Amino acid sequence: MSLHLGDTAPDFTATTTDGDISFHDWKAGSWAVFFSHPADFTPVCTTELGRTAALGGEFQRRNTKPIALSVDPIEDHRGWAPDIGEVSGTELNFPIIADPDRSVAELYDMIHLGEGDTSTVRSVFIVDPDDKIRLTLTYPKSVGRNFDEILRVIDALQATDANPIATPADWTPGERVIVSPALSTDDAKQKLSNVEEVKPYLRFADAP
């Protein structure tokens, strides 16, 4: 199944380390970071899930719930969880989906064909409170994800949803933003602060 930005994230039911869930009900009213990892008891995945646990407060401040998936059974997830806590210094504080029949992985196209196995690659889906897919990323199995970038994207999406702006390259919260092309310069000066026209199509303003 091919999923695109703006599509409704497919709903599913699954067994997780926090019990059985329905995805849409579990995230109701929240953003979600839904990400897959290749396998339990593997080095890169241990660092990634540990980093996610350590960022629990940051996700909470953004009204965002992380949830992970691999094709391992629930017993393996539960056996691996203490390692994540020991390595990262933060106990697992979000659910890991058990997907041994690969039904959810296939629903979200998380299997990388041609890699010699049927484990999931490092897919990321950011899903908004309306269950719409707002960002997708896919990393190869050998490359760990940058979770600071995932937080930055959530900040940018939330800022641009709330205001008539876009964010420039390498933007981080508090930096100058770009005025939406749909907004005239005169209107921008009424809605935003310190509007600067660099080109007719490129106007900067202070972050709202």
Protein backbone atom coordinates (compact mmCIF):
# COMPACT_ATOMS: atom_id res chain seq x y z
CA MET A 1 0.00 0.00 0.00
CA SER A 2 1.39 3.39 -0.98
CA LEU A 3 0.72 6.15 1.55
CA HIS A 4 1.07 9.85 0.78
CA LEU A 5 1.12 13.10 2.71
CA GLY A 6 -2.43 14.10 3.56
CA ASP A 7 -3.76 10.55 3.50
CA THR A 8 -5.60 9.27 6.53
CA ALA A 9 -3.22 7.02 8.46
CA PRO A 10 -4.70 3.52 8.29
CA ASP A 11 -6.25 2.37 11.54
CA PHE A 12 -5.31 -1.00 13.03
CA THR A 13 -5.57 -3.01 16.21
CA ALA A 14 -2.46 -4.56 17.70
CA THR A 15 -0.88 -6.05 20.79
CA THR A 16 1.70 -3.75 22.39
CA THR A 17 3.85 -3.62 25.48
CA ASP A 18 1.09 -1.41 26.96
CA GLY A 19 -1.71 -3.84 26.07
CA ASP A 20 -4.02 -4.11 23.08
CA ILE A 21 -4.76 -0.85 21.25
CA SER A 22 -6.67 0.57 18.32
CA PHE A 23 -4.33 3.11 16.74
CA HIS A 24 -6.84 5.92 16.13
CA ASP A 25 -8.42 5.51 19.58
CA TRP A 26 -4.99 5.35 21.26
CA LYS A 27 -3.84 8.64 19.69
CA ALA A 28 -7.22 10.41 19.75
CA GLY A 29 -6.68 14.19 19.94
CA SER A 30 -2.88 13.88 19.81
CA TRP A 31 -0.08 13.92 17.29
CA ALA A 32 1.75 10.62 16.88
CA VAL A 33 5.22 9.54 15.81
CA PHE A 34 4.78 6.00 14.50
CA PHE A 35 8.11 4.39 13.65
CA SER A 36 9.37 0.93 12.81
CA HIS A 37 12.65 -0.68 13.72
CA PRO A 38 14.19 -3.81 12.20
CA ALA A 39 14.46 -6.08 15.23
CA ASP A 40 14.66 -6.36 19.01
CA PHE A 41 18.01 -6.97 20.73
CA THR A 42 19.90 -5.07 17.99
CA PRO A 43 22.35 -2.23 18.63
CA VAL A 44 20.99 0.68 16.57
CA CYS A 45 17.40 -0.02 17.60
CA THR A 46 18.35 -0.08 21.26
CA THR A 47 19.84 3.41 20.99
CA GLU A 48 16.85 4.71 19.02
CA LEU A 49 14.19 3.48 21.41
CA GLY A 50 16.28 4.66 24.34
CA ARG A 51 16.52 8.13 22.80
CA THR A 52 12.75 8.17 22.27
CA ALA A 53 12.19 7.26 25.92
CA ALA A 54 14.59 9.98 27.07
CA LEU A 55 12.62 12.53 25.01
CA GLY A 56 9.33 11.60 26.67
CA GLY A 57 8.88 15.05 28.22
CA GLU A 58 9.58 16.77 24.89
CA PHE A 59 6.96 14.69 23.12
CA GLN A 60 4.46 15.33 25.90
CA ARG A 61 4.98 19.10 25.64
CA ARG A 62 4.09 18.85 21.97
CA ASN A 63 0.95 16.77 22.58
CA THR A 64 2.67 13.92 20.73
CA LYS A 65 2.70 10.20 21.43
CA PRO A 66 5.51 7.99 20.12
CA ILE A 67 4.81 4.36 19.23
CA ALA A 68 7.23 1.83 17.76
CA LEU A 69 6.81 -1.39 15.79
CA SER A 70 8.82 -4.41 14.78
CA VAL A 71 7.87 -7.85 13.53
CA ASP A 72 9.08 -9.48 16.75
CA PRO A 73 6.59 -11.13 19.16
CA ILE A 74 5.43 -9.40 22.32
CA GLU A 75 7.56 -11.68 24.52
CA ASP A 76 10.70 -10.40 22.81
CA HIS A 77 9.61 -6.77 23.25
CA ARG A 78 9.07 -7.32 26.97
CA GLY A 79 12.39 -9.11 27.33
CA TRP A 80 14.24 -6.34 25.51
CA ALA A 81 12.65 -3.41 27.38
CA PRO A 82 15.03 -3.63 30.38
CA ASP A 83 18.02 -3.34 28.04
CA ILE A 84 16.59 -0.13 26.57
CA GLY A 85 16.26 1.34 30.05
CA GLU A 86 19.73 0.22 31.12
CA VAL A 87 21.49 1.58 28.03
CA SER A 88 19.61 4.90 27.85
CA GLY A 89 19.08 5.59 31.53
CA THR A 90 15.33 5.99 30.91
CA GLU A 91 12.81 3.19 31.24
CA LEU A 92 10.61 2.42 28.27
CA ASN A 93 7.66 4.86 28.48
CA PHE A 94 5.83 4.31 25.19
CA PRO A 95 4.33 1.22 23.52
CA ILE A 96 6.07 -1.14 21.11
CA ILE A 97 3.74 -2.94 18.71
CA ALA A 98 4.23 -6.67 18.20
CA ASP A 99 3.63 -7.47 14.53
CA PRO A 100 4.80 -11.07 13.97
CA ASP A 101 2.37 -11.59 11.08
CA ARG A 102 3.60 -8.34 9.49
CA SER A 103 0.04 -7.13 8.93
CA VAL A 104 0.70 -3.59 10.19
CA ALA A 105 4.13 -3.42 8.54
CA GLU A 106 2.60 -4.34 5.21
CA LEU A 107 -0.28 -1.89 5.72
CA TYR A 108 2.30 0.90 6.09
CA ASP A 109 4.77 -0.48 3.51
CA MET A 110 7.53 -0.88 6.06
CA ILE A 111 9.15 -3.97 4.53
CA HIS A 112 12.21 -3.25 2.38
CA LEU A 113 12.14 -5.77 -0.44
CA GLY A 114 15.47 -7.06 -1.65
CA GLU A 115 17.19 -6.80 1.72
CA GLY A 116 17.26 -10.57 2.21
CA ASP A 117 14.74 -10.71 5.05
CA THR A 118 11.27 -9.54 5.98
CA SER A 119 12.10 -7.22 8.88
CA THR A 120 11.01 -3.61 8.83
CA VAL A 121 13.20 -0.70 7.78
CA ARG A 122 13.40 2.52 9.80
CA SER A 123 10.16 4.16 8.66
CA VAL A 124 8.72 7.24 10.38
CA PHE A 125 5.18 8.60 10.08
CA ILE A 126 4.14 11.82 11.79
CA VAL A 127 0.36 11.80 12.12
CA ASP A 128 -1.67 14.82 13.22
CA PRO A 129 -4.67 14.92 15.60
CA ASP A 130 -7.01 14.46 12.61
CA ASP A 131 -5.21 11.20 11.75
CA LYS A 132 -3.64 12.71 8.62
CA ILE A 133 -0.11 11.74 7.59
CA ARG A 134 1.98 14.91 7.68
CA LEU A 135 5.51 13.56 7.17
CA THR A 136 7.16 10.32 6.10
CA LEU A 137 10.82 9.35 6.38
CA THR A 138 12.58 6.08 5.59
CA TYR A 139 16.10 5.35 6.76
CA PRO A 140 18.18 2.32 5.78
CA LYS A 141 18.68 -0.27 8.47
CA SER A 142 22.30 0.75 9.06
CA VAL A 143 21.54 4.42 9.85
CA GLY A 144 20.04 5.55 13.14
CA ARG A 145 17.44 8.29 13.07
CA ASN A 146 17.91 11.89 14.22
CA PHE A 147 15.14 12.39 16.79
CA ASP A 148 16.02 16.07 17.21
CA GLU A 149 14.96 16.46 13.57
CA ILE A 150 11.69 14.65 14.26
CA LEU A 151 10.95 17.09 17.09
CA ARG A 152 11.91 20.02 14.84
CA VAL A 153 9.47 18.88 12.18
CA ILE A 154 6.67 18.60 14.73
CA ASP A 155 7.45 22.14 15.91
CA ALA A 156 7.39 23.40 12.32
CA LEU A 157 4.13 21.62 11.48
CA GLN A 158 2.42 22.94 14.57
CA ALA A 159 3.68 26.47 13.93
CA THR A 160 2.62 26.50 10.28
CA ASP A 161 -0.78 25.01 11.11
CA ALA A 162 -1.43 27.82 13.58
CA ASN A 163 -0.12 30.77 11.52
CA PRO A 164 0.12 31.95 7.86
CA ILE A 165 3.81 31.08 7.65
CA ALA A 166 6.33 28.58 6.34
CA THR A 167 9.72 27.70 7.81
CA PRO A 168 13.05 28.20 6.00
CA ALA A 169 15.90 25.73 5.69
CA ASP A 170 17.34 24.57 9.01
CA TRP A 171 14.70 26.51 10.97
CA THR A 172 14.41 25.93 14.70
CA PRO A 173 11.80 27.38 17.09
CA GLY A 174 12.31 31.06 17.84
CA GLU A 175 14.05 31.83 14.55
CA ARG A 176 12.59 34.00 11.80
CA VAL A 177 9.89 32.49 9.62
CA ILE A 178 8.72 32.98 6.03
CA VAL A 179 5.45 34.75 5.29
CA SER A 180 2.98 32.54 3.43
CA PRO A 181 2.83 33.36 -0.32
CA ALA A 182 -0.96 33.48 0.07
CA LEU A 183 -0.64 36.55 2.32
CA SER A 184 0.05 40.03 0.92
CA THR A 185 2.84 42.06 2.48
CA ASP A 186 0.34 44.59 3.81
CA ASP A 187 -1.75 41.84 5.43
CA ALA A 188 1.41 40.22 6.76
CA LYS A 189 2.36 43.43 8.54
CA GLN A 190 -1.04 43.36 10.27
CA LYS A 191 -0.68 39.75 11.39
CA LEU A 192 3.07 39.33 11.96
CA SER A 193 5.95 41.33 13.45
CA ASN A 194 9.00 42.85 11.77
CA VAL A 195 8.08 41.83 8.22
CA GLU A 196 11.01 42.15 5.80
CA GLU A 197 10.65 41.80 2.04
CA VAL A 198 13.83 40.28 0.59
CA LYS A 199 12.19 39.45 -2.74
CA PRO A 200 8.55 39.92 -3.75
CA TYR A 201 8.10 36.20 -3.19
CA LEU A 202 10.30 35.96 -0.06
CA ARG A 203 9.26 37.82 3.07
CA PHE A 204 10.62 37.09 6.53
CA ALA A 205 8.97 37.86 9.85
CA ASP A 206 9.54 37.23 13.53
CA ALA A 207 8.15 33.96 14.79
CA PRO A 208 4.60 34.40 16.13
